[in-house]
C-alpha atoms as a PDB file:
ATOM      1  CA  MET A   1      -2.856  -7.355  17.625  1.00  0.00           C
ATOM      2  CA  ARG A   2       0.935  -5.566  16.812  1.00  0.00           C
ATOM      3  CA  ASP A   3       2.433  -8.437  18.167  1.00  0.00           C
ATOM      4  CA  SER A   4       1.248 -10.965  15.346  1.00  0.00           C
ATOM      5  CA  VAL A   5       3.307  -8.909  12.891  1.00  0.00           C
ATOM      6  CA  PRO A   6       7.114  -8.761  12.199  1.00  0.00           C
ATOM      7  CA  TRP A   7       7.589  -4.941  13.229  1.00  0.00           C
ATOM      8  CA  ALA A   8       5.481  -5.322  16.545  1.00  0.00           C
ATOM      9  CA  ASP A   9       8.379  -3.793  18.714  1.00  0.00           C
ATOM     10  CA  MET A  10       9.492  -1.169  16.446  1.00  0.00           C
ATOM     11  CA  THR A  11       7.359   2.020  16.827  1.00  0.00           C
ATOM     12  CA  PRO A  12       6.950   4.875  15.690  1.00  0.00           C
ATOM     13  CA  LEU A  13       4.648   3.127  13.141  1.00  0.00           C
ATOM     14  CA  ARG A  14       3.262   5.041   9.610  1.00  0.00           C
ATOM     15  CA  ARG A  15      -0.405   4.177   8.004  1.00  0.00           C
ATOM     16  CA  VAL A  16      -1.043   6.095   5.255  1.00  0.00           C
ATOM     17  CA  SER A  17      -3.900   5.971   2.338  1.00  0.00           C
ATOM     18  CA  VAL A  18      -3.020   6.269  -1.553  1.00  0.00           C
ATOM     19  CA  VAL A  19      -4.504   6.826  -4.611  1.00  0.00           C
ATOM     20  CA  ALA A  20      -2.971   5.997  -7.883  1.00  0.00           C
ATOM     21  CA  SER A  21      -4.337   7.287 -11.132  1.00  0.00           C
ATOM     22  CA  GLY A  22      -3.371   6.735 -14.828  1.00  0.00           C
ATOM     23  CA  ARG A  23      -2.951   3.120 -16.321  1.00  0.00           C
ATOM     24  CA  VAL A  24      -3.051   1.599 -13.119  1.00  0.00           C
ATOM     25  CA  GLN A  25      -6.155  -1.058 -13.793  1.00  0.00           C
ATOM     26  CA  GLY A  26      -5.777  -4.307 -15.732  1.00  0.00           C
ATOM     27  CA  VAL A  27      -2.085  -4.260 -16.042  1.00  0.00           C
ATOM     28  CA  PHE A  28      -1.574  -6.301 -12.271  1.00  0.00           C
ATOM     29  CA  TYR A  29      -1.033  -3.171 -10.165  1.00  0.00           C
ATOM     30  CA  ARG A  30      -3.347  -4.375  -7.579  1.00  0.00           C
ATOM     31  CA  THR A  31      -2.080  -8.018  -7.077  1.00  0.00           C
ATOM     32  CA  SER A  32       1.763  -6.669  -7.373  1.00  0.00           C
ATOM     33  CA  CYS A  33       0.849  -4.040  -4.956  1.00  0.00           C
ATOM     34  CA  ALA A  34      -0.356  -6.669  -2.380  1.00  0.00           C
ATOM     35  CA  GLU A  35       2.828  -8.574  -3.505  1.00  0.00           C
ATOM     36  CA  GLU A  36       5.324  -6.025  -2.710  1.00  0.00           C
ATOM     37  CA  ALA A  37       3.367  -4.715   0.536  1.00  0.00           C
ATOM     38  CA  LEU A  38       3.360  -8.191   2.155  1.00  0.00           C
ATOM     39  CA  ALA A  39       7.189  -8.640   1.408  1.00  0.00           C
ATOM     40  CA  ARG A  40       7.999  -5.339   3.139  1.00  0.00           C
ATOM     41  CA  GLY A  41       5.915  -6.592   6.009  1.00  0.00           C
ATOM     42  CA  LEU A  42       3.035  -4.011   5.522  1.00  0.00           C
ATOM     43  CA  ALA A  43      -0.362  -4.428   7.084  1.00  0.00           C
ATOM     44  CA  GLY A  44      -3.470  -2.613   4.931  1.00  0.00           C
ATOM     45  CA  TRP A  45      -5.200  -3.350   1.822  1.00  0.00           C
ATOM     46  CA  VAL A  46      -5.635  -2.322  -1.688  1.00  0.00           C
ATOM     47  CA  ARG A  47      -8.741  -2.133  -3.892  1.00  0.00           C
ATOM     48  CA  ASN A  48      -9.532  -1.121  -7.325  1.00  0.00           C
ATOM     49  CA  LEU A  49     -12.044   2.043  -7.499  1.00  0.00           C
ATOM     50  CA  PRO A  50     -15.138   2.391  -9.994  1.00  0.00           C
ATOM     51  CA  ASP A  51     -13.453   5.566 -11.512  1.00  0.00           C
ATOM     52  CA  GLY A  52     -10.086   3.587 -12.873  1.00  0.00           C
ATOM     53  CA  ARG A  53      -8.096   4.336  -9.892  1.00  0.00           C
ATOM     54  CA  VAL A  54      -6.262   2.282  -7.339  1.00  0.00           C
ATOM     55  CA  GLU A  55      -7.062   2.926  -3.350  1.00  0.00           C
ATOM     56  CA  ALA A  56      -4.432   1.017  -0.784  1.00  0.00           C
ATOM     57  CA  VAL A  57      -3.939   1.977   3.039  1.00  0.00           C
ATOM     58  CA  PHE A  58      -0.092   1.012   4.174  1.00  0.00           C
ATOM     59  CA  GLU A  59       0.846   0.579   7.968  1.00  0.00           C
ATOM     60  CA  GLY A  60       4.104  -0.135   9.301  1.00  0.00           C
ATOM     61  CA  PRO A  61       7.561   1.042  10.051  1.00  0.00           C
ATOM     62  CA  PRO A  62       8.460   4.666   8.390  1.00  0.00           C
ATOM     63  CA  PRO A  63      11.279   3.082   5.999  1.00  0.00           C
ATOM     64  CA  GLN A  64       9.060   0.019   4.478  1.00  0.00           C
ATOM     65  CA  VAL A  65       5.721   2.518   3.879  1.00  0.00           C
ATOM     66  CA  GLU A  66       8.579   4.885   2.191  1.00  0.00           C
ATOM     67  CA  ALA A  67       9.917   2.070   0.033  1.00  0.00           C
ATOM     68  CA  MET A  68       6.009   1.243  -0.569  1.00  0.00           C
ATOM     69  CA  LEU A  69       4.991   4.835  -1.806  1.00  0.00           C
ATOM     70  CA  ALA A  70       7.898   4.721  -4.032  1.00  0.00           C
ATOM     71  CA  TRP A  71       6.938   1.457  -5.872  1.00  0.00           C
ATOM     72  CA  CYS A  72       3.768   2.752  -5.940  1.00  0.00           C
ATOM     73  CA  ARG A  73       4.799   5.600  -7.878  1.00  0.00           C
ATOM     74  CA  GLN A  74       6.396   3.107 -10.806  1.00  0.00           C
ATOM     75  CA  GLY A  75       3.691   0.282 -10.202  1.00  0.00           C
ATOM     76  CA  PRO A  76       4.608  -3.269 -12.551  1.00  0.00           C
ATOM     77  CA  PRO A  77       5.606  -2.925 -15.855  1.00  0.00           C
ATOM     78  CA  GLY A  78       2.702  -1.921 -18.493  1.00  0.00           C
ATOM     79  CA  ALA A  79       1.325   0.460 -15.650  1.00  0.00           C
ATOM     80  CA  ARG A  80       1.615   4.083 -15.911  1.00  0.00           C
ATOM     81  CA  VAL A  81       1.101   6.294 -12.692  1.00  0.00           C
ATOM     82  CA  GLU A  82       0.440   9.757 -13.623  1.00  0.00           C
ATOM     83  CA  ASP A  83      -0.730  10.784 -10.158  1.00  0.00           C
ATOM     84  CA  LEU A  84       0.243   9.285  -6.347  1.00  0.00           C
ATOM     85  CA  GLN A  85      -2.124  11.336  -3.732  1.00  0.00           C
ATOM     86  CA  VAL A  86      -0.770  10.198  -0.285  1.00  0.00           C
ATOM     87  CA  GLU A  87      -2.539  10.899   2.821  1.00  0.00           C
ATOM     88  CA  PRO A  88      -1.193  10.522   6.438  1.00  0.00           C
ATOM     89  CA  LEU A  89      -3.585   8.418   8.859  1.00  0.00           C
ATOM     90  CA  ASP A  90      -3.449   7.476  12.944  1.00  0.00           C
ATOM     91  CA  PRO A  91      -1.779   4.148  12.729  1.00  0.00           C
ATOM     92  CA  THR A  92      -4.229   1.436  14.218  1.00  0.00           C
ATOM     93  CA  GLY A  93      -2.248  -1.387  14.428  1.00  0.00           C
ATOM     94  CA  ASP A  94      -3.726  -3.225  11.772  1.00  0.00           C
ATOM     95  CA  ALA A  95      -2.169  -6.780  10.445  1.00  0.00           C
ATOM     96  CA  GLY A  96      -1.892  -8.714   7.534  1.00  0.00           C
ATOM     97  CA  PHE A  97      -2.655  -7.529   3.843  1.00  0.00           C
ATOM     98  CA  ARG A  98      -5.534  -7.911   1.824  1.00  0.00           C
ATOM     99  CA  ILE A  99      -7.326  -6.986  -1.545  1.00  0.00           C
ATOM    100  CA  ASN A 100     -10.492  -5.793  -1.219  1.00  0.00           C
ATOM    101  CA  GLY A 101     -12.685  -5.515  -4.460  1.00  0.00           C
END
């Protein structure tokens, strides 16, 4: 599956799980996050959590993942990110980015 993404030849890959808290629901954080991840060629997903936080997983080349984390700390206009928890994960070779719930 790795050969279907633009960075398939690049190694190493980085995969992280993030949870953003603050004013991150109802301000297009999830939709904007998906657009930003797609623009960077990242794989993974994003979803709203029942407690008002947003959770996402990003996988791709380390520089693009770092850029995505920087975006997540700010979010779209109207968001107020109070905390961003980042947890490293093992890369899976995921492809595509989707909004899950």
